[in-house]
């Protein structure tokens, strides 16, 4: 059990993933985190940013190989999630909850997806949990494949481009940032937490207002 938890800890520690696992593990994590429901806990935004920042140190120095591999992995991850959602359909929503799967993740993503439509696949790239479950719901909703593919590619390009290339060029412009990697991770965690909390309370307020409106109409 201790070995398993150590493995999970390594997977969720972006700098260790990059330094010990190299490109292959980075690409695999991006693939799993962007399309398979059990990968929601894996590092996302900060992994991409650090992959760019630490490209010269751990990943061979060719930023276009790093960017291209992450871009393709993100596209394939979403296509896998879409295919799985289309295959299993509604049966997936009724599955028994486990430590890695909660029905609230589906509901949270559904509300975001219903509100934003296809744009959710682009916006959702930058939001934890939603990034993982959005392609799954697109498959469940039987979104046309061509329509899904367009948003998938655009979202993957923006997400990987901004974070990977941004991390690379900031790392070169401010080399000292490499010595403060833990603060970079804390920054992304803070942004992620703030985004999730803000989205949660926005949904709560929307539901409360809807109930008030329904009561007034009754």
C-alpha atoms as a PDB file:
ATOM      1  CA  UNK A   1       0.000   0.000   0.000  1.00  0.00           C
ATOM      2  CA  UNK A   2       2.844   2.369   0.844  1.00  0.00           C
ATOM      3  CA  UNK A   3       4.323   1.776  -2.620  1.00  0.00           C
ATOM      4  CA  UNK A   4       0.965   2.585  -4.251  1.00  0.00           C
ATOM      5  CA  UNK A   5       0.594   5.865  -2.347  1.00  0.00           C
ATOM      6  CA  UNK A   6       4.188   6.789  -3.178  1.00  0.00           C
ATOM      7  CA  UNK A   7       3.392   6.182  -6.852  1.00  0.00           C
ATOM      8  CA  UNK A   8       0.274   8.372  -6.648  1.00  0.00           C
ATOM      9  CA  UNK A   9       2.246  11.075  -4.830  1.00  0.00           C
ATOM     10  CA  UNK A  10       4.836  11.047  -7.607  1.00  0.00           C
ATOM     11  CA  UNK A  11       2.168  11.305 -10.293  1.00  0.00           C
ATOM     12  CA  UNK A  12       0.612  14.324  -8.613  1.00  0.00           C
ATOM     13  CA  UNK A  13       3.987  16.034  -8.106  1.00  0.00           C
ATOM     14  CA  UNK A  14       4.631  17.754 -11.416  1.00  0.00           C
ATOM     15  CA  UNK A  15       8.348  18.331 -10.980  1.00  0.00           C
ATOM     16  CA  UNK A  16       8.956  14.674 -10.109  1.00  0.00           C
ATOM     17  CA  UNK A  17       6.834  13.559 -13.076  1.00  0.00           C
ATOM     18  CA  UNK A  18       8.976  15.679 -15.381  1.00  0.00           C
ATOM     19  CA  UNK A  19      12.366  14.861 -13.856  1.00  0.00           C
ATOM     20  CA  UNK A  20      11.829  11.114 -13.329  1.00  0.00           C
ATOM     21  CA  UNK A  21       9.304  10.142 -15.978  1.00  0.00           C
ATOM     22  CA  UNK A  22      10.393  12.352 -18.851  1.00  0.00           C
ATOM     23  CA  UNK A  23       8.333  13.060 -21.935  1.00  0.00           C
ATOM     24  CA  UNK A  24       6.612   9.655 -22.042  1.00  0.00           C
ATOM     25  CA  UNK A  25       5.062  10.063 -18.582  1.00  0.00           C
ATOM     26  CA  UNK A  26       4.127  13.702 -19.236  1.00  0.00           C
ATOM     27  CA  UNK A  27       2.301  12.728 -22.434  1.00  0.00           C
ATOM     28  CA  UNK A  28       0.571   9.801 -20.712  1.00  0.00           C
ATOM     29  CA  UNK A  29      -0.672  11.956 -17.828  1.00  0.00           C
ATOM     30  CA  UNK A  30      -1.994  14.630 -20.198  1.00  0.00           C
ATOM     31  CA  UNK A  31      -3.805  11.913 -22.173  1.00  0.00           C
ATOM     32  CA  UNK A  32      -5.409  10.390 -19.070  1.00  0.00           C
ATOM     33  CA  UNK A  33      -6.257  13.688 -17.387  1.00  0.00           C
ATOM     34  CA  UNK A  34      -8.021  15.107 -20.431  1.00  0.00           C
ATOM     35  CA  UNK A  35     -10.410  12.293 -21.198  1.00  0.00           C
ATOM     36  CA  UNK A  36     -10.589   9.412 -18.734  1.00  0.00           C
ATOM     37  CA  UNK A  37     -12.767   9.989 -15.665  1.00  0.00           C
ATOM     38  CA  UNK A  38     -10.318   8.278 -13.288  1.00  0.00           C
ATOM     39  CA  UNK A  39      -7.577  10.755 -14.277  1.00  0.00           C
ATOM     40  CA  UNK A  40      -9.246  13.859 -12.833  1.00  0.00           C
ATOM     41  CA  UNK A  41      -6.816  13.992  -9.871  1.00  0.00           C
ATOM     42  CA  UNK A  42      -3.691  14.075 -12.054  1.00  0.00           C
ATOM     43  CA  UNK A  43      -1.792  17.363 -12.492  1.00  0.00           C
ATOM     44  CA  UNK A  44      -2.978  19.480 -15.393  1.00  0.00           C
ATOM     45  CA  UNK A  45      -2.285  23.178 -15.844  1.00  0.00           C
ATOM     46  CA  UNK A  46       0.841  23.349 -13.709  1.00  0.00           C
ATOM     47  CA  UNK A  47       2.248  20.195 -15.312  1.00  0.00           C
ATOM     48  CA  UNK A  48       2.081  21.880 -18.722  1.00  0.00           C
ATOM     49  CA  UNK A  49       3.532  25.130 -17.425  1.00  0.00           C
ATOM     50  CA  UNK A  50       6.407  23.364 -15.676  1.00  0.00           C
ATOM     51  CA  UNK A  51       7.039  21.132 -18.699  1.00  0.00           C
ATOM     52  CA  UNK A  52       7.704  24.318 -20.647  1.00  0.00           C
ATOM     53  CA  UNK A  53       9.721  25.937 -17.877  1.00  0.00           C
ATOM     54  CA  UNK A  54      11.842  22.828 -17.220  1.00  0.00           C
ATOM     55  CA  UNK A  55      12.136  21.791 -20.864  1.00  0.00           C
ATOM     56  CA  UNK A  56      15.857  22.560 -21.104  1.00  0.00           C
ATOM     57  CA  UNK A  57      16.652  20.965 -17.756  1.00  0.00           C
ATOM     58  CA  UNK A  58      14.786  17.649 -18.031  1.00  0.00           C
ATOM     59  CA  UNK A  59      13.051  17.243 -21.396  1.00  0.00           C
ATOM     60  CA  UNK A  60      15.781  17.580 -23.992  1.00  0.00           C
ATOM     61  CA  UNK A  61      15.488  21.290 -24.721  1.00  0.00           C
ATOM     62  CA  UNK A  62      13.298  21.040 -27.832  1.00  0.00           C
ATOM     63  CA  UNK A  63      10.177  22.959 -26.825  1.00  0.00           C
ATOM     64  CA  UNK A  64       8.362  22.126 -30.070  1.00  0.00           C
ATOM     65  CA  UNK A  65       8.632  18.397 -29.378  1.00  0.00           C
ATOM     66  CA  UNK A  66       7.274  18.969 -25.873  1.00  0.00           C
ATOM     67  CA  UNK A  67       4.486  21.234 -27.120  1.00  0.00           C
ATOM     68  CA  UNK A  68       3.597  18.955 -30.040  1.00  0.00           C
ATOM     69  CA  UNK A  69       3.447  15.827 -27.882  1.00  0.00           C
ATOM     70  CA  UNK A  70       1.274  17.488 -25.248  1.00  0.00           C
ATOM     71  CA  UNK A  71      -0.991  18.980 -27.930  1.00  0.00           C
ATOM     72  CA  UNK A  72      -1.533  15.581 -29.572  1.00  0.00           C
ATOM     73  CA  UNK A  73      -1.980  13.841 -26.180  1.00  0.00           C
ATOM     74  CA  UNK A  74      -4.649  16.376 -25.211  1.00  0.00           C
ATOM     75  CA  UNK A  75      -6.518  15.820 -28.477  1.00  0.00           C
ATOM     76  CA  UNK A  76      -6.368  12.034 -28.159  1.00  0.00           C
ATOM     77  CA  UNK A  77      -7.464  12.213 -24.509  1.00  0.00           C
ATOM     78  CA  UNK A  78     -10.600  14.140 -25.434  1.00  0.00           C
ATOM     79  CA  UNK A  79     -11.402  11.806 -28.332  1.00  0.00           C
ATOM     80  CA  UNK A  80     -11.076   8.839 -25.956  1.00  0.00           C
ATOM     81  CA  UNK A  81     -13.412  10.453 -23.421  1.00  0.00           C
ATOM     82  CA  UNK A  82     -15.893  11.299 -26.180  1.00  0.00           C
ATOM     83  CA  UNK A  83     -15.826   7.744 -27.524  1.00  0.00           C
ATOM     84  CA  UNK A  84     -16.269   6.280 -24.048  1.00  0.00           C
ATOM     85  CA  UNK A  85     -19.192   8.598 -23.323  1.00  0.00           C
ATOM     86  CA  UNK A  86     -20.837   7.710 -26.607  1.00  0.00           C
ATOM     87  CA  UNK A  87     -20.325   4.004 -25.967  1.00  0.00           C
ATOM     88  CA  UNK A  88     -21.573   3.731 -22.397  1.00  0.00           C
ATOM     89  CA  UNK A  89     -24.125   6.546 -22.538  1.00  0.00           C
ATOM     90  CA  UNK A  90     -26.377   7.052 -19.552  1.00  0.00           C
ATOM     91  CA  UNK A  91     -25.290   3.801 -17.896  1.00  0.00           C
ATOM     92  CA  UNK A  92     -22.159   5.571 -16.737  1.00  0.00           C
ATOM     93  CA  UNK A  93     -24.132   8.132 -14.735  1.00  0.00           C
ATOM     94  CA  UNK A  94     -25.831   5.410 -12.719  1.00  0.00           C
ATOM     95  CA  UNK A  95     -22.634   3.643 -11.733  1.00  0.00           C
ATOM     96  CA  UNK A  96     -21.816   3.215  -8.049  1.00  0.00           C
ATOM     97  CA  UNK A  97     -19.787   6.037  -6.521  1.00  0.00           C
ATOM     98  CA  UNK A  98     -16.195   5.315  -5.525  1.00  0.00           C
ATOM     99  CA  UNK A  99     -13.303   7.350  -4.129  1.00  0.00           C
ATOM    100  CA  UNK A 100     -12.321   8.366  -7.666  1.00  0.00           C
ATOM    101  CA  UNK A 101     -15.808   8.799  -9.141  1.00  0.00           C
ATOM    102  CA  UNK A 102     -18.532  11.033  -7.741  1.00  0.00           C
ATOM    103  CA  UNK A 103     -21.829  11.800  -9.465  1.00  0.00           C
ATOM    104  CA  UNK A 104     -21.364  15.450  -8.502  1.00  0.00           C
ATOM    105  CA  UNK A 105     -18.465  15.642 -10.968  1.00  0.00           C
ATOM    106  CA  UNK A 106     -20.836  14.699 -13.787  1.00  0.00           C
ATOM    107  CA  UNK A 107     -23.520  17.119 -12.588  1.00  0.00           C
ATOM    108  CA  UNK A 108     -21.047  19.961 -12.171  1.00  0.00           C
ATOM    109  CA  UNK A 109     -19.722  19.455 -15.681  1.00  0.00           C
ATOM    110  CA  UNK A 110     -23.215  19.019 -17.162  1.00  0.00           C
ATOM    111  CA  UNK A 111     -24.346  22.418 -15.859  1.00  0.00           C
ATOM    112  CA  UNK A 112     -21.226  24.059 -17.229  1.00  0.00           C
ATOM    113  CA  UNK A 113     -21.645  22.199 -20.510  1.00  0.00           C
ATOM    114  CA  UNK A 114     -25.351  23.116 -20.853  1.00  0.00           C
ATOM    115  CA  UNK A 115     -24.571  26.776 -20.235  1.00  0.00           C
ATOM    116  CA  UNK A 116     -21.644  27.075 -22.653  1.00  0.00           C
ATOM    117  CA  UNK A 117     -22.380  24.447 -25.319  1.00  0.00           C
ATOM    118  CA  UNK A 118     -19.451  23.585 -27.572  1.00  0.00           C
ATOM    119  CA  UNK A 119     -17.438  26.429 -26.063  1.00  0.00           C
ATOM    120  CA  UNK A 120     -17.312  24.364 -22.860  1.00  0.00           C
ATOM    121  CA  UNK A 121     -14.767  22.133 -24.571  1.00  0.00           C
ATOM    122  CA  UNK A 122     -12.510  25.159 -25.029  1.00  0.00           C
ATOM    123  CA  UNK A 123     -13.177  26.982 -21.748  1.00  0.00           C
ATOM    124  CA  UNK A 124     -13.250  23.684 -19.851  1.00  0.00           C
ATOM    125  CA  UNK A 125      -9.671  22.937 -20.894  1.00  0.00           C
ATOM    126  CA  UNK A 126      -8.560  25.459 -18.283  1.00  0.00           C
ATOM    127  CA  UNK A 127     -10.803  24.125 -15.494  1.00  0.00           C
ATOM    128  CA  UNK A 128      -9.912  21.029 -13.425  1.00  0.00           C
ATOM    129  CA  UNK A 129     -12.501  18.202 -13.320  1.00  0.00           C
ATOM    130  CA  UNK A 130     -14.534  19.901 -16.074  1.00  0.00           C
ATOM    131  CA  UNK A 131     -11.559  19.340 -18.387  1.00  0.00           C
ATOM    132  CA  UNK A 132     -11.800  15.612 -17.672  1.00  0.00           C
ATOM    133  CA  UNK A 133     -15.561  15.138 -17.854  1.00  0.00           C
ATOM    134  CA  UNK A 134     -16.560  17.557 -20.655  1.00  0.00           C
ATOM    135  CA  UNK A 135     -15.609  15.195 -23.525  1.00  0.00           C
ATOM    136  CA  UNK A 136     -17.367  12.342 -21.719  1.00  0.00           C
ATOM    137  CA  UNK A 137     -20.601  14.347 -21.595  1.00  0.00           C
ATOM    138  CA  UNK A 138     -20.170  15.443 -25.205  1.00  0.00           C
ATOM    139  CA  UNK A 139     -20.147  11.769 -26.140  1.00  0.00           C
ATOM    140  CA  UNK A 140     -23.176  11.041 -23.947  1.00  0.00           C
ATOM    141  CA  UNK A 141     -25.040  13.925 -25.585  1.00  0.00           C
ATOM    142  CA  UNK A 142     -24.169  12.505 -29.030  1.00  0.00           C
ATOM    143  CA  UNK A 143     -22.518  15.726 -30.166  1.00  0.00           C
ATOM    144  CA  UNK A 144     -21.640  15.353 -33.873  1.00  0.00           C
ATOM    145  CA  UNK A 145     -18.085  14.108 -34.218  1.00  0.00           C
ATOM    146  CA  UNK A 146     -17.017  16.832 -36.673  1.00  0.00           C
ATOM    147  CA  UNK A 147     -18.385  19.533 -34.373  1.00  0.00           C
ATOM    148  CA  UNK A 148     -16.647  17.970 -31.370  1.00  0.00           C
ATOM    149  CA  UNK A 149     -13.363  17.612 -33.269  1.00  0.00           C
ATOM    150  CA  UNK A 150     -13.225  21.319 -34.104  1.00  0.00           C
ATOM    151  CA  UNK A 151     -13.667  22.415 -30.485  1.00  0.00           C
ATOM    152  CA  UNK A 152     -11.350  19.660 -29.295  1.00  0.00           C
ATOM    153  CA  UNK A 153      -8.475  20.786 -31.525  1.00  0.00           C
ATOM    154  CA  UNK A 154      -8.968  24.500 -30.816  1.00  0.00           C
ATOM    155  CA  UNK A 155      -9.160  23.884 -27.059  1.00  0.00           C
ATOM    156  CA  UNK A 156      -6.070  21.654 -27.046  1.00  0.00           C
ATOM    157  CA  UNK A 157      -4.112  24.193 -29.100  1.00  0.00           C
ATOM    158  CA  UNK A 158      -4.960  27.112 -26.803  1.00  0.00           C
ATOM    159  CA  UNK A 159      -4.456  25.132 -23.574  1.00  0.00           C
ATOM    160  CA  UNK A 160      -1.137  23.539 -24.504  1.00  0.00           C
ATOM    161  CA  UNK A 161       0.120  26.584 -26.390  1.00  0.00           C
ATOM    162  CA  UNK A 162      -0.520  29.149 -23.679  1.00  0.00           C
ATOM    163  CA  UNK A 163       0.769  27.002 -20.807  1.00  0.00           C
ATOM    164  CA  UNK A 164       3.662  25.090 -22.368  1.00  0.00           C
ATOM    165  CA  UNK A 165       5.038  27.909 -24.497  1.00  0.00           C
ATOM    166  CA  UNK A 166       4.225  30.442 -21.790  1.00  0.00           C
ATOM    167  CA  UNK A 167       6.199  28.431 -19.239  1.00  0.00           C
ATOM    168  CA  UNK A 168       9.113  28.050 -21.657  1.00  0.00           C
ATOM    169  CA  UNK A 169       9.425  31.721 -22.557  1.00  0.00           C
ATOM    170  CA  UNK A 170       8.890  32.934 -19.005  1.00  0.00           C
ATOM    171  CA  UNK A 171      11.545  30.477 -17.855  1.00  0.00           C
ATOM    172  CA  UNK A 172      13.974  31.975 -20.371  1.00  0.00           C
ATOM    173  CA  UNK A 173      13.000  35.564 -19.642  1.00  0.00           C
ATOM    174  CA  UNK A 174      13.215  35.040 -15.878  1.00  0.00           C
ATOM    175  CA  UNK A 175      15.663  32.134 -15.282  1.00  0.00           C
ATOM    176  CA  UNK A 176      15.445  32.576 -11.507  1.00  0.00           C
ATOM    177  CA  UNK A 177      11.842  31.302 -11.632  1.00  0.00           C
ATOM    178  CA  UNK A 178      13.191  27.762 -11.971  1.00  0.00           C
ATOM    179  CA  UNK A 179      14.418  28.034  -8.390  1.00  0.00           C
ATOM    180  CA  UNK A 180      10.916  28.798  -7.159  1.00  0.00           C
ATOM    181  CA  UNK A 181       8.989  25.966  -8.790  1.00  0.00           C
ATOM    182  CA  UNK A 182       7.035  25.218  -5.599  1.00  0.00           C
ATOM    183  CA  UNK A 183       5.631  28.753  -5.634  1.00  0.00           C
ATOM    184  CA  UNK A 184       4.581  28.356  -9.246  1.00  0.00           C
ATOM    185  CA  UNK A 185       2.688  25.187  -8.288  1.00  0.00           C
ATOM    186  CA  UNK A 186       1.085  26.963  -5.316  1.00  0.00           C
ATOM    187  CA  UNK A 187       0.024  29.775  -7.641  1.00  0.00           C
ATOM    188  CA  UNK A 188      -1.718  27.374 -10.016  1.00  0.00           C
ATOM    189  CA  UNK A 189      -3.322  25.535  -7.102  1.00  0.00           C
ATOM    190  CA  UNK A 190      -4.625  28.846  -5.747  1.00  0.00           C
ATOM    191  CA  UNK A 191      -6.054  29.834  -9.140  1.00  0.00           C
ATOM    192  CA  UNK A 192      -7.594  26.387  -9.551  1.00  0.00           C
ATOM    193  CA  UNK A 193      -9.141  26.428  -6.085  1.00  0.00           C
ATOM    194  CA  UNK A 194     -10.496  29.952  -6.547  1.00  0.00           C
ATOM    195  CA  UNK A 195     -12.023  29.010  -9.921  1.00  0.00           C
ATOM    196  CA  UNK A 196     -13.741  25.929  -8.505  1.00  0.00           C
ATOM    197  CA  UNK A 197     -15.072  27.760  -5.430  1.00  0.00           C
ATOM    198  CA  UNK A 198     -16.302  30.658  -7.551  1.00  0.00           C
ATOM    199  CA  UNK A 199     -18.033  28.273  -9.956  1.00  0.00           C
ATOM    200  CA  UNK A 200     -19.588  26.344  -7.078  1.00  0.00           C
ATOM    201  CA  UNK A 201     -21.115  29.427  -5.453  1.00  0.00           C
ATOM    202  CA  UNK A 202     -22.272  30.756  -8.822  1.00  0.00           C
ATOM    203  CA  UNK A 203     -24.170  27.514  -9.435  1.00  0.00           C
ATOM    204  CA  UNK A 204     -25.583  27.607  -5.893  1.00  0.00           C
ATOM    205  CA  UNK A 205     -26.811  31.178  -6.350  1.00  0.00           C
ATOM    206  CA  UNK A 206     -28.319  30.312  -9.710  1.00  0.00           C
ATOM    207  CA  UNK A 207     -30.169  27.337  -8.217  1.00  0.00           C
ATOM    208  CA  UNK A 208     -31.384  29.447  -5.274  1.00  0.00           C
ATOM    209  CA  UNK A 209     -32.666  32.175  -7.592  1.00  0.00           C
ATOM    210  CA  UNK A 210     -34.435  29.569  -9.722  1.00  0.00           C
ATOM    211  CA  UNK A 211     -36.175  28.147  -6.655  1.00  0.00           C
ATOM    212  CA  UNK A 212     -37.298  31.616  -5.581  1.00  0.00           C
ATOM    213  CA  UNK A 213     -38.623  32.287  -9.072  1.00  0.00           C
ATOM    214  CA  UNK A 214     -40.450  28.954  -9.170  1.00  0.00           C
ATOM    215  CA  UNK A 215     -42.007  29.617  -5.747  1.00  0.00           C
ATOM    216  CA  UNK A 216     -43.186  33.065  -6.839  1.00  0.00           C
ATOM    217  CA  UNK A 217     -44.788  31.579  -9.946  1.00  0.00           C
ATOM    218  CA  UNK A 218     -46.509  28.791  -7.999  1.00  0.00           C
END
